[in-house]
Amino acid sequence: MQGKEGVVLFHFIVRKDGQIDNIEYQKSDEPLFNQEAARVFKLIKYMKPARDHGQIVEQECTLPINFRLTY
């Protein structure tokens, strides 16, 4: 698998209280990357909510998790 690369994109909403909701993801072509990205994303329980002009707001986010195997 040396030289393999891939990206798994997660799209989600960070609610005003910091909870993560409506998680969707676009899989890469490599099942191993998909499994590891899902495992890592499950570790994220909370994110700091966004602010707009000082007010806490919900925010749609996209988080790419990049993989590159070099060994």
C-alpha atoms as a PDB file:
ATOM      1  CA  MET A   1       0.000   0.000   0.000  1.00  0.00           C
ATOM      2  CA  GLN A   2       3.030   2.282  -0.112  1.00  0.00           C
ATOM      3  CA  GLY A   3       2.303   5.530  -1.920  1.00  0.00           C
ATOM      4  CA  LYS A   4      -1.466   5.297  -1.485  1.00  0.00           C
ATOM      5  CA  GLU A   5      -3.273   8.579  -0.885  1.00  0.00           C
ATOM      6  CA  GLY A   6      -6.862   9.488  -0.190  1.00  0.00           C
ATOM      7  CA  VAL A   7      -9.239  11.987   1.362  1.00  0.00           C
ATOM      8  CA  VAL A   8     -12.398  11.335   3.348  1.00  0.00           C
ATOM      9  CA  LEU A   9     -14.654  14.425   3.574  1.00  0.00           C
ATOM     10  CA  PHE A  10     -16.989  14.889   6.535  1.00  0.00           C
ATOM     11  CA  HIS A  11     -19.846  17.384   6.289  1.00  0.00           C
ATOM     12  CA  PHE A  12     -21.651  18.250   9.526  1.00  0.00           C
ATOM     13  CA  ILE A  13     -23.300  20.987  11.576  1.00  0.00           C
ATOM     14  CA  VAL A  14     -21.865  22.398  14.798  1.00  0.00           C
ATOM     15  CA  ARG A  15     -24.852  23.415  16.935  1.00  0.00           C
ATOM     16  CA  LYS A  16     -24.871  26.450  19.227  1.00  0.00           C
ATOM     17  CA  ASP A  17     -24.043  24.230  22.205  1.00  0.00           C
ATOM     18  CA  GLY A  18     -21.051  22.693  20.381  1.00  0.00           C
ATOM     19  CA  GLN A  19     -22.703  19.357  19.643  1.00  0.00           C
ATOM     20  CA  ILE A  20     -22.032  17.822  16.232  1.00  0.00           C
ATOM     21  CA  ASP A  21     -25.089  16.864  14.184  1.00  0.00           C
ATOM     22  CA  ASN A  22     -26.143  15.701  10.693  1.00  0.00           C
ATOM     23  CA  ILE A  23     -22.878  13.933   9.931  1.00  0.00           C
ATOM     24  CA  GLU A  24     -22.425  12.827   6.336  1.00  0.00           C
ATOM     25  CA  TYR A  25     -19.234  11.717   4.670  1.00  0.00           C
ATOM     26  CA  GLN A  26     -17.893  11.122   1.213  1.00  0.00           C
ATOM     27  CA  LYS A  27     -15.808   7.970   1.142  1.00  0.00           C
ATOM     28  CA  SER A  28     -12.449   7.572  -0.525  1.00  0.00           C
ATOM     29  CA  ASP A  29     -11.630   4.684  -2.854  1.00  0.00           C
ATOM     30  CA  GLU A  30      -9.687   2.940  -0.074  1.00  0.00           C
ATOM     31  CA  PRO A  31     -11.819   1.127   2.561  1.00  0.00           C
ATOM     32  CA  LEU A  32      -8.986   1.279   5.130  1.00  0.00           C
ATOM     33  CA  PHE A  33      -8.981   5.094   4.945  1.00  0.00           C
ATOM     34  CA  ASN A  34     -12.773   5.193   5.363  1.00  0.00           C
ATOM     35  CA  GLN A  35     -12.622   3.013   8.477  1.00  0.00           C
ATOM     36  CA  GLU A  36      -9.837   5.030  10.093  1.00  0.00           C
ATOM     37  CA  ALA A  37     -11.463   8.384   9.274  1.00  0.00           C
ATOM     38  CA  ALA A  38     -14.776   7.223  10.800  1.00  0.00           C
ATOM     39  CA  ARG A  39     -12.937   6.021  13.920  1.00  0.00           C
ATOM     40  CA  VAL A  40     -11.132   9.340  14.353  1.00  0.00           C
ATOM     41  CA  PHE A  41     -14.240  11.442  13.711  1.00  0.00           C
ATOM     42  CA  LYS A  42     -16.150   9.525  16.415  1.00  0.00           C
ATOM     43  CA  LEU A  43     -13.557  10.759  18.927  1.00  0.00           C
ATOM     44  CA  ILE A  44     -14.689  14.340  18.311  1.00  0.00           C
ATOM     45  CA  LYS A  45     -17.518  14.879  20.791  1.00  0.00           C
ATOM     46  CA  TYR A  46     -17.626  18.657  20.855  1.00  0.00           C
ATOM     47  CA  MET A  47     -16.427  21.623  18.802  1.00  0.00           C
ATOM     48  CA  LYS A  48     -16.276  25.264  19.718  1.00  0.00           C
ATOM     49  CA  PRO A  49     -19.341  26.902  18.124  1.00  0.00           C
ATOM     50  CA  ALA A  50     -18.984  29.689  15.587  1.00  0.00           C
ATOM     51  CA  ARG A  51     -19.632  33.341  16.329  1.00  0.00           C
ATOM     52  CA  ASP A  52     -21.082  35.948  14.017  1.00  0.00           C
ATOM     53  CA  HIS A  53     -20.857  39.539  15.256  1.00  0.00           C
ATOM     54  CA  GLY A  54     -20.480  38.256  18.817  1.00  0.00           C
ATOM     55  CA  GLN A  55     -23.480  35.915  18.683  1.00  0.00           C
ATOM     56  CA  ILE A  56     -23.081  32.139  18.876  1.00  0.00           C
ATOM     57  CA  VAL A  57     -24.488  30.551  15.700  1.00  0.00           C
ATOM     58  CA  GLU A  58     -24.858  27.126  14.117  1.00  0.00           C
ATOM     59  CA  GLN A  59     -22.319  26.463  11.396  1.00  0.00           C
ATOM     60  CA  GLU A  60     -22.124  23.949   8.567  1.00  0.00           C
ATOM     61  CA  CYS A  61     -18.597  22.568   8.268  1.00  0.00           C
ATOM     62  CA  THR A  62     -16.594  20.332   5.992  1.00  0.00           C
ATOM     63  CA  LEU A  63     -13.583  18.546   7.450  1.00  0.00           C
ATOM     64  CA  PRO A  64     -11.200  16.716   5.119  1.00  0.00           C
ATOM     65  CA  ILE A  65      -9.116  13.930   6.619  1.00  0.00           C
ATOM     66  CA  ASN A  66      -6.105  13.341   4.371  1.00  0.00           C
ATOM     67  CA  PHE A  67      -4.152  10.104   4.175  1.00  0.00           C
ATOM     68  CA  ARG A  68      -0.759   9.401   2.618  1.00  0.00           C
ATOM     69  CA  LEU A  69       1.049   6.127   3.196  1.00  0.00           C
ATOM     70  CA  THR A  70       4.774   6.561   2.781  1.00  0.00           C
ATOM     71  CA  TYR A  71       6.259   3.405   4.222  1.00  0.00           C
END
